[in-house]
Protein backbone atom coordinates (compact mmCIF):
# COMPACT_ATOMS: atom_id res chain seq x y z
CA UNK A 1 -4.22 23.18 -7.99
CA UNK A 2 -7.40 21.42 -9.11
CA UNK A 3 -10.71 23.20 -8.97
CA UNK A 4 -14.04 21.48 -8.40
CA UNK A 5 -14.88 21.84 -12.12
CA UNK A 6 -11.71 20.02 -13.17
CA UNK A 7 -12.54 16.84 -11.23
CA UNK A 8 -14.93 14.14 -12.45
CA UNK A 9 -15.81 10.59 -11.49
CA UNK A 10 -13.52 8.21 -13.41
CA UNK A 11 -12.78 4.48 -13.52
CA UNK A 12 -9.35 2.92 -13.90
CA UNK A 13 -9.03 -0.67 -15.05
CA UNK A 14 -6.22 -3.10 -14.40
CA UNK A 15 -5.31 -6.76 -14.29
CA UNK A 16 -2.46 -8.99 -13.31
CA UNK A 17 -1.70 -12.66 -13.13
CA UNK A 18 -0.53 -14.63 -10.12
CA UNK A 19 2.10 -17.38 -10.37
CA UNK A 20 0.71 -19.61 -7.60
CA UNK A 21 -2.48 -19.79 -5.56
CA UNK A 22 -1.01 -18.61 -2.26
CA UNK A 23 -2.00 -15.70 -0.07
CA UNK A 24 1.48 -14.19 -0.46
CA UNK A 25 1.41 -14.37 -4.27
CA UNK A 26 -2.11 -12.97 -4.56
CA UNK A 27 -1.35 -10.09 -2.19
CA UNK A 28 2.02 -9.26 -3.75
CA UNK A 29 0.72 -9.09 -7.32
CA UNK A 30 -2.46 -7.24 -6.34
CA UNK A 31 -0.51 -4.68 -4.31
CA UNK A 32 1.89 -4.17 -7.22
CA UNK A 33 -1.05 -3.61 -9.57
CA UNK A 34 -2.84 -1.16 -7.26
CA UNK A 35 0.32 0.85 -6.64
CA UNK A 36 1.00 1.18 -10.37
CA UNK A 37 -2.61 2.18 -11.04
CA UNK A 38 -2.38 4.92 -8.41
CA UNK A 39 1.07 6.13 -9.52
CA UNK A 40 0.40 6.20 -13.26
CA UNK A 41 -2.82 8.13 -12.77
CA UNK A 42 -1.67 10.33 -9.88
CA UNK A 43 -4.54 9.14 -7.69
CA UNK A 44 -4.41 9.67 -3.94
CA UNK A 45 -6.19 7.55 -1.35
CA UNK A 46 -8.57 10.46 -0.72
CA UNK A 47 -9.58 10.41 -4.43
CA UNK A 48 -10.78 6.78 -4.35
CA UNK A 49 -14.51 6.06 -4.15
CA UNK A 50 -14.37 2.25 -4.22
CA UNK A 51 -12.53 -0.71 -5.74
CA UNK A 52 -14.05 -3.81 -7.32
CA UNK A 53 -11.86 -6.90 -7.64
CA UNK A 54 -12.52 -10.09 -9.57
CA UNK A 55 -10.43 -13.24 -9.39
CA UNK A 56 -10.58 -16.36 -11.49
CA UNK A 57 -11.94 -19.49 -9.82
CA UNK A 58 -8.43 -20.96 -9.50
CA UNK A 59 -7.43 -18.27 -6.98
CA UNK A 60 -8.84 -19.30 -3.61
CA UNK A 61 -6.01 -18.72 -1.10
CA UNK A 62 -7.00 -15.13 -0.27
CA UNK A 63 -9.08 -12.13 -1.25
CA UNK A 64 -7.35 -9.57 -3.49
CA UNK A 65 -8.81 -6.87 -1.22
CA UNK A 66 -6.42 -7.99 1.53
CA UNK A 67 -3.60 -6.41 -0.50
CA UNK A 68 -5.47 -3.11 -0.63
CA UNK A 69 -5.75 -3.08 3.14
CA UNK A 70 -2.05 -3.92 3.45
CA UNK A 71 -1.03 -0.89 1.37
CA UNK A 72 -3.11 1.53 3.41
CA UNK A 73 -6.58 1.54 1.85
CA UNK A 74 -8.21 0.84 5.21
CA UNK A 75 -11.19 3.19 4.73
CA UNK A 76 -11.84 2.41 1.06
CA UNK A 77 -14.93 0.34 0.22
CA UNK A 78 -13.73 -2.88 -1.42
CA UNK A 79 -15.61 -5.78 -3.03
CA UNK A 80 -14.30 -9.10 -4.32
CA UNK A 81 -16.18 -11.24 -6.86
CA UNK A 82 -15.41 -14.33 -8.86
CA UNK A 83 -14.69 -13.77 -12.55
CA UNK A 84 -17.09 -15.42 -15.01
CA UNK A 85 -15.66 -18.88 -15.83
CA UNK A 86 -15.22 -18.64 -19.61
CA UNK A 87 -13.63 -21.59 -21.41
CA UNK A 88 -10.08 -20.76 -22.46
CA UNK A 89 -9.89 -17.59 -20.35
CA UNK A 90 -6.65 -16.52 -18.70
CA UNK A 91 -5.80 -18.49 -15.57
CA UNK A 92 -4.90 -17.07 -12.13
CA UNK A 93 -5.99 -13.57 -13.04
CA UNK A 94 -6.99 -10.68 -10.76
CA UNK A 95 -8.89 -7.82 -12.37
CA UNK A 96 -9.55 -4.42 -10.81
CA UNK A 97 -11.90 -1.54 -11.45
CA UNK A 98 -10.99 1.45 -9.30
CA UNK A 99 -13.53 4.27 -9.19
CA UNK A 100 -12.15 7.65 -8.21
CA UNK A 101 -12.36 11.39 -8.59
CA UNK A 102 -9.70 12.59 -11.01
CA UNK A 103 -8.94 15.38 -13.43
CA UNK A 104 -10.80 15.41 -16.75
CA UNK A 105 -7.40 15.37 -18.43
CA UNK A 106 -5.07 13.59 -19.03
CA UNK A 107 -6.42 10.33 -20.36
CA UNK A 108 -6.69 7.54 -17.79
CA UNK A 109 -3.82 5.04 -18.00
CA UNK A 110 -5.14 1.52 -17.45
CA UNK A 111 -2.57 -0.99 -16.13
CA UNK A 112 -2.12 -4.59 -17.24
CA UNK A 113 0.83 -6.48 -15.77
CA UNK A 114 2.57 -9.80 -16.31
CA UNK A 115 0.60 -12.25 -18.50
CA UNK A 116 -2.48 -10.01 -18.20
CA UNK A 117 -0.81 -7.67 -20.72
CA UNK A 118 -2.24 -10.07 -23.32
CA UNK A 119 -5.73 -8.86 -22.38
CA UNK A 120 -5.04 -5.32 -23.66
CA UNK A 121 -2.29 -5.39 -26.26
CA UNK A 122 -3.64 -2.08 -27.57
CA UNK A 123 -2.40 -0.21 -24.49
CA UNK A 124 1.17 1.06 -23.99
CA UNK A 125 3.07 -0.40 -21.05
């Protein structure tokens, strides 16, 4: 059982790519990413403070936050922004920063899926 002293404010990062600019594709890949972020870090819905999403300018069919609502994060504050348009940057990419209360240990496990793995080749899968 965690005590109050064992829990601190943490941030978990993640990213994924989407095959096509459709609502279904954006929601499916974002939901997959969020679920893996929660599972790998043993985060419960009650632990989450807020989630920030960015999407590249080529993803316009839906908001990534829709996926969060679909998987049960109805009370979580969510914000979607457009990623900075950098020349040569990865296309059709959704990035996430999830802020939560979590144990000081173990180390946070950031999650990069599909082509977004190229963004953090230093991390284990």
